[in-house]
């Protein structure tokens, strides 16, 4: 997978939240039922997490999934954002429940 500003920014945000809470990658991995390697790949922007993983991570930090994407200081371009959304859609395309959850999340986010 090609790194994008979007995936790198999300990874940095997750690492920042983890460090603020004094958690190791191993701690976060255990709490999210992941491997430490998966956490590392996400934090370095080498893997974009699935929607269920985003939900687990946000619960550990006591924030919403939307708050994970609060990296407005980053200079994201529209192509990177669209690629990030496309990756989310690809990750959930065969899961009706996750598709509905993502749809409702985006629908509420943009108020349509």
N, C-alpha and C. Protein backbone atom coordinates (compact mmCIF):
# COMPACT_ATOMS: atom_id res chain seq x y z
N UNK A 1 0.84 -1.19 0.00
CA UNK A 1 0.00 0.00 0.00
C UNK A 1 0.88 1.24 0.00
N UNK A 2 0.55 2.19 -0.83
CA UNK A 2 1.28 3.44 -0.90
C UNK A 2 0.88 4.34 0.28
N UNK A 3 1.89 4.87 0.95
CA UNK A 3 1.60 5.81 2.03
C UNK A 3 1.00 7.08 1.43
N UNK A 4 0.02 7.64 2.12
CA UNK A 4 -0.54 8.93 1.73
C UNK A 4 -0.45 9.85 2.93
N UNK A 5 -0.59 11.14 2.68
CA UNK A 5 -0.61 12.10 3.79
C UNK A 5 -1.71 11.73 4.77
N UNK A 6 -2.83 11.25 4.24
CA UNK A 6 -3.98 10.91 5.07
C UNK A 6 -3.67 9.76 6.02
N UNK A 7 -3.13 8.66 5.50
CA UNK A 7 -2.83 7.52 6.36
C UNK A 7 -1.70 7.84 7.34
N UNK A 8 -0.73 8.61 6.91
CA UNK A 8 0.36 9.01 7.81
C UNK A 8 -0.19 9.92 8.91
N UNK A 9 -1.05 10.86 8.56
CA UNK A 9 -1.63 11.77 9.55
C UNK A 9 -2.48 11.02 10.56
N UNK A 10 -3.27 10.06 10.09
CA UNK A 10 -4.07 9.26 11.02
C UNK A 10 -3.16 8.46 11.95
N UNK A 11 -2.13 7.87 11.40
CA UNK A 11 -1.19 7.11 12.22
C UNK A 11 -0.53 7.96 13.28
N UNK A 12 -0.10 9.16 12.90
CA UNK A 12 0.52 10.09 13.87
C UNK A 12 -0.47 10.47 14.95
N UNK A 13 -1.73 10.68 14.57
CA UNK A 13 -2.77 11.05 15.54
C UNK A 13 -2.97 9.92 16.55
N UNK A 14 -3.03 8.68 16.06
CA UNK A 14 -3.22 7.53 16.95
C UNK A 14 -2.01 7.38 17.87
N UNK A 15 -0.81 7.52 17.34
CA UNK A 15 0.41 7.43 18.17
C UNK A 15 0.41 8.53 19.23
N UNK A 16 0.02 9.72 18.83
CA UNK A 16 -0.03 10.85 19.78
C UNK A 16 -1.01 10.56 20.91
N UNK A 17 -2.19 10.06 20.57
CA UNK A 17 -3.18 9.73 21.60
C UNK A 17 -2.68 8.61 22.51
N UNK A 18 -2.03 7.63 21.93
CA UNK A 18 -1.50 6.51 22.71
C UNK A 18 -0.44 6.99 23.69
N UNK A 19 0.49 7.81 23.21
CA UNK A 19 1.57 8.30 24.06
C UNK A 19 1.05 9.23 25.15
N UNK A 20 0.06 10.04 24.83
CA UNK A 20 -0.55 10.93 25.82
C UNK A 20 -1.13 10.14 26.98
N UNK A 21 -1.65 8.96 26.67
CA UNK A 21 -2.24 8.10 27.70
C UNK A 21 -1.24 7.11 28.29
N UNK A 22 0.04 7.29 27.92
CA UNK A 22 1.13 6.48 28.44
C UNK A 22 0.92 4.98 28.19
N UNK A 23 0.45 4.67 26.98
CA UNK A 23 0.27 3.29 26.57
C UNK A 23 1.38 2.89 25.60
N UNK A 24 1.83 1.65 25.71
CA UNK A 24 2.77 1.13 24.71
C UNK A 24 1.96 0.61 23.53
N UNK A 25 2.65 0.34 22.44
CA UNK A 25 1.97 -0.27 21.31
C UNK A 25 1.39 -1.63 21.71
N UNK A 26 2.11 -2.34 22.56
CA UNK A 26 1.64 -3.64 23.04
C UNK A 26 0.35 -3.49 23.85
N UNK A 27 0.30 -2.45 24.73
CA UNK A 27 -0.92 -2.21 25.52
C UNK A 27 -2.11 -1.93 24.60
N UNK A 28 -1.91 -1.02 23.65
CA UNK A 28 -3.00 -0.66 22.74
C UNK A 28 -3.43 -1.88 21.92
N UNK A 29 -2.47 -2.64 21.46
CA UNK A 29 -2.77 -3.83 20.67
C UNK A 29 -3.64 -4.80 21.47
N UNK A 30 -3.27 -5.05 22.70
CA UNK A 30 -4.03 -5.97 23.55
C UNK A 30 -5.45 -5.44 23.78
N UNK A 31 -5.58 -4.17 24.06
CA UNK A 31 -6.89 -3.57 24.33
C UNK A 31 -7.80 -3.58 23.10
N UNK A 32 -7.20 -3.58 21.92
CA UNK A 32 -7.96 -3.55 20.67
C UNK A 32 -8.00 -4.90 19.96
N UNK A 33 -7.48 -5.93 20.64
CA UNK A 33 -7.45 -7.28 20.06
C UNK A 33 -6.72 -7.29 18.72
N UNK A 34 -5.54 -6.69 18.74
CA UNK A 34 -4.69 -6.60 17.56
C UNK A 34 -3.30 -7.08 17.94
N UNK A 35 -2.43 -7.16 16.95
CA UNK A 35 -1.03 -7.46 17.25
C UNK A 35 -0.27 -6.13 17.38
N UNK A 36 0.82 -6.12 18.13
CA UNK A 36 1.64 -4.91 18.19
C UNK A 36 2.14 -4.49 16.80
N UNK A 37 2.42 -5.45 15.93
CA UNK A 37 2.87 -5.14 14.58
C UNK A 37 1.78 -4.38 13.82
N UNK A 38 0.51 -4.77 14.00
CA UNK A 38 -0.59 -4.06 13.33
C UNK A 38 -0.67 -2.62 13.81
N UNK A 39 -0.50 -2.41 15.10
CA UNK A 39 -0.50 -1.04 15.65
C UNK A 39 0.64 -0.24 15.03
N UNK A 40 1.81 -0.84 14.95
CA UNK A 40 2.97 -0.17 14.36
C UNK A 40 2.71 0.21 12.90
N UNK A 41 2.14 -0.72 12.14
CA UNK A 41 1.85 -0.43 10.73
C UNK A 41 0.86 0.72 10.58
N UNK A 42 -0.14 0.77 11.46
CA UNK A 42 -1.12 1.86 11.42
C UNK A 42 -0.44 3.18 11.80
N UNK A 43 0.34 3.18 12.88
CA UNK A 43 0.96 4.41 13.36
C UNK A 43 2.00 4.97 12.39
N UNK A 44 2.59 4.13 11.58
CA UNK A 44 3.58 4.61 10.61
C UNK A 44 2.95 4.93 9.25
N UNK A 45 1.64 4.75 9.15
CA UNK A 45 0.96 5.07 7.90
C UNK A 45 1.11 4.01 6.83
N UNK A 46 1.54 2.82 7.22
CA UNK A 46 1.70 1.73 6.26
C UNK A 46 0.46 0.86 6.13
N UNK A 47 -0.51 1.07 6.99
CA UNK A 47 -1.78 0.34 6.90
C UNK A 47 -2.90 1.27 7.33
N UNK A 48 -3.99 1.25 6.57
CA UNK A 48 -5.17 2.01 6.96
C UNK A 48 -6.09 1.05 7.71
N UNK A 49 -6.48 1.40 8.94
CA UNK A 49 -7.29 0.48 9.75
C UNK A 49 -8.71 0.33 9.22
N UNK A 50 -9.26 -0.87 9.44
CA UNK A 50 -10.66 -1.12 9.09
C UNK A 50 -11.55 -0.33 10.04
N UNK A 51 -12.82 -0.17 9.66
CA UNK A 51 -13.75 0.62 10.48
C UNK A 51 -13.91 0.02 11.87
N UNK A 52 -13.96 -1.30 12.00
CA UNK A 52 -14.10 -1.90 13.32
C UNK A 52 -12.86 -1.65 14.18
N UNK A 53 -11.71 -1.60 13.55
CA UNK A 53 -10.48 -1.28 14.28
C UNK A 53 -10.50 0.17 14.74
N UNK A 54 -10.96 1.07 13.88
CA UNK A 54 -11.09 2.48 14.28
C UNK A 54 -12.03 2.62 15.47
N UNK A 55 -13.11 1.85 15.46
CA UNK A 55 -14.05 1.89 16.58
C UNK A 55 -13.40 1.42 17.88
N UNK A 56 -12.63 0.34 17.81
CA UNK A 56 -11.95 -0.18 19.01
C UNK A 56 -10.93 0.83 19.53
N UNK A 57 -10.16 1.41 18.63
CA UNK A 57 -9.14 2.39 19.03
C UNK A 57 -9.80 3.60 19.68
N UNK A 58 -10.87 4.10 19.07
CA UNK A 58 -11.53 5.28 19.63
C UNK A 58 -12.11 4.99 21.01
N UNK A 59 -12.64 3.79 21.22
CA UNK A 59 -13.18 3.42 22.53
C UNK A 59 -12.09 3.39 23.59
N UNK A 60 -10.92 2.86 23.23
CA UNK A 60 -9.79 2.84 24.18
C UNK A 60 -9.45 4.26 24.61
N UNK A 61 -9.47 5.20 23.67
CA UNK A 61 -9.11 6.57 23.98
C UNK A 61 -10.28 7.39 24.53
N UNK A 62 -11.47 6.82 24.55
CA UNK A 62 -12.64 7.52 25.07
C UNK A 62 -13.07 8.68 24.18
N UNK A 63 -12.90 8.50 22.88
CA UNK A 63 -13.29 9.54 21.92
C UNK A 63 -14.13 8.90 20.82
N UNK A 64 -14.67 9.71 19.95
CA UNK A 64 -15.42 9.18 18.82
C UNK A 64 -14.47 8.86 17.67
N UNK A 65 -14.94 8.04 16.74
CA UNK A 65 -14.15 7.75 15.55
C UNK A 65 -13.84 9.05 14.83
N UNK A 66 -14.81 9.94 14.77
CA UNK A 66 -14.61 11.24 14.12
C UNK A 66 -13.43 12.00 14.73
N UNK A 67 -13.29 11.90 16.05
CA UNK A 67 -12.19 12.59 16.73
C UNK A 67 -10.81 12.04 16.34
N UNK A 68 -10.76 10.79 15.91
CA UNK A 68 -9.48 10.23 15.45
C UNK A 68 -8.96 10.98 14.23
N UNK A 69 -9.89 11.57 13.48
CA UNK A 69 -9.51 12.27 12.25
C UNK A 69 -9.32 13.77 12.47
N UNK A 70 -9.13 14.16 13.72
CA UNK A 70 -8.92 15.56 14.05
C UNK A 70 -7.44 15.91 13.91
N UNK A 71 -6.98 15.95 12.68
CA UNK A 71 -5.60 16.35 12.40
C UNK A 71 -5.62 17.46 11.35
N UNK A 72 -6.34 18.51 11.69
CA UNK A 72 -6.57 19.60 10.75
C UNK A 72 -5.32 20.40 10.44
N UNK A 73 -4.27 20.26 11.27
CA UNK A 73 -3.06 21.01 10.97
C UNK A 73 -2.36 20.46 9.72
N UNK A 74 -2.66 19.23 9.38
CA UNK A 74 -2.03 18.59 8.23
C UNK A 74 -2.55 19.21 6.94
N UNK A 75 -1.70 19.22 5.98
CA UNK A 75 -2.06 19.77 4.68
C UNK A 75 -2.47 18.63 3.76
N UNK A 76 -3.70 18.13 3.95
CA UNK A 76 -4.17 17.01 3.15
C UNK A 76 -4.71 17.51 1.82
N UNK A 77 -4.41 16.78 0.76
CA UNK A 77 -5.01 17.15 -0.51
C UNK A 77 -6.23 16.28 -0.76
N UNK A 78 -7.08 16.72 -1.65
CA UNK A 78 -8.35 16.05 -1.90
C UNK A 78 -8.15 14.63 -2.39
N UNK A 79 -7.12 14.39 -3.18
CA UNK A 79 -6.87 13.04 -3.69
C UNK A 79 -6.55 12.07 -2.56
N UNK A 80 -5.73 12.50 -1.60
CA UNK A 80 -5.41 11.63 -0.47
C UNK A 80 -6.66 11.34 0.37
N UNK A 81 -7.50 12.34 0.56
CA UNK A 81 -8.72 12.11 1.32
C UNK A 81 -9.64 11.15 0.59
N UNK A 82 -9.80 11.32 -0.72
CA UNK A 82 -10.65 10.42 -1.50
C UNK A 82 -10.09 9.00 -1.50
N UNK A 83 -8.77 8.87 -1.58
CA UNK A 83 -8.15 7.54 -1.52
C UNK A 83 -8.40 6.88 -0.17
N UNK A 84 -8.34 7.67 0.88
CA UNK A 84 -8.61 7.13 2.22
C UNK A 84 -10.03 6.63 2.34
N UNK A 85 -10.97 7.39 1.82
CA UNK A 85 -12.38 6.96 1.84
C UNK A 85 -12.56 5.70 0.99
N UNK A 86 -11.92 5.66 -0.17
CA UNK A 86 -12.02 4.48 -1.03
C UNK A 86 -11.48 3.23 -0.32
N UNK A 87 -10.41 3.37 0.45
CA UNK A 87 -9.84 2.24 1.18
C UNK A 87 -10.81 1.77 2.26
N UNK A 88 -11.48 2.71 2.91
CA UNK A 88 -12.48 2.32 3.91
C UNK A 88 -13.60 1.52 3.25
N UNK A 89 -14.07 2.01 2.11
CA UNK A 89 -15.16 1.34 1.40
C UNK A 89 -14.72 -0.06 0.98
N UNK A 90 -13.53 -0.18 0.46
CA UNK A 90 -13.01 -1.49 0.03
C UNK A 90 -12.93 -2.45 1.22
N UNK A 91 -12.53 -1.94 2.37
CA UNK A 91 -12.36 -2.79 3.55
C UNK A 91 -13.68 -3.33 4.08
N UNK A 92 -14.78 -2.65 3.81
CA UNK A 92 -16.07 -3.07 4.37
C UNK A 92 -17.07 -3.52 3.33
N UNK A 93 -16.67 -3.63 2.07
CA UNK A 93 -17.63 -3.85 0.99
C UNK A 93 -18.47 -5.12 1.13
N UNK A 94 -17.98 -6.13 1.80
CA UNK A 94 -18.73 -7.37 1.95
C UNK A 94 -19.41 -7.48 3.31
N UNK A 95 -19.42 -6.41 4.07
CA UNK A 95 -20.00 -6.44 5.42
C UNK A 95 -21.13 -5.41 5.50
N UNK A 96 -22.35 -5.90 5.46
CA UNK A 96 -23.51 -5.00 5.43
C UNK A 96 -23.58 -4.10 6.67
N UNK A 97 -23.32 -4.66 7.83
CA UNK A 97 -23.42 -3.89 9.07
C UNK A 97 -22.40 -2.75 9.09
N UNK A 98 -21.16 -3.04 8.70
CA UNK A 98 -20.13 -2.00 8.67
C UNK A 98 -20.42 -0.97 7.58
N UNK A 99 -20.97 -1.43 6.47
CA UNK A 99 -21.33 -0.51 5.39
C UNK A 99 -22.40 0.47 5.87
N UNK A 100 -23.40 -0.05 6.57
CA UNK A 100 -24.45 0.81 7.12
C UNK A 100 -23.87 1.78 8.14
N UNK A 101 -22.97 1.28 8.99
CA UNK A 101 -22.36 2.14 10.01
C UNK A 101 -21.55 3.27 9.37
N UNK A 102 -20.76 2.95 8.35
CA UNK A 102 -19.97 3.98 7.68
C UNK A 102 -20.89 4.97 6.96
N UNK A 103 -21.92 4.46 6.32
CA UNK A 103 -22.88 5.33 5.62
C UNK A 103 -23.52 6.31 6.60
N UNK A 104 -23.99 5.78 7.73
CA UNK A 104 -24.63 6.66 8.72
C UNK A 104 -23.66 7.66 9.30
N UNK A 105 -22.42 7.23 9.53
CA UNK A 105 -21.40 8.14 10.04
C UNK A 105 -21.17 9.29 9.06
N UNK A 106 -20.95 8.94 7.79
CA UNK A 106 -20.70 9.97 6.77
C UNK A 106 -21.93 10.84 6.56
N UNK A 107 -23.09 10.22 6.56
CA UNK A 107 -24.34 10.96 6.38
C UNK A 107 -24.50 12.02 7.48
N UNK A 108 -24.26 11.61 8.72
CA UNK A 108 -24.37 12.55 9.83
C UNK A 108 -23.27 13.61 9.79
N UNK A 109 -22.10 13.21 9.34
CA UNK A 109 -20.98 14.14 9.28
C UNK A 109 -21.25 15.29 8.31
N UNK A 110 -21.85 14.95 7.17
CA UNK A 110 -22.09 16.00 6.17
C UNK A 110 -23.55 16.46 6.15
N UNK A 111 -24.32 15.95 7.10
CA UNK A 111 -25.71 16.40 7.28
C UNK A 111 -26.57 16.31 6.03
N UNK A 112 -26.62 15.11 5.44
CA UNK A 112 -27.53 14.92 4.29
C UNK A 112 -28.69 14.06 4.68
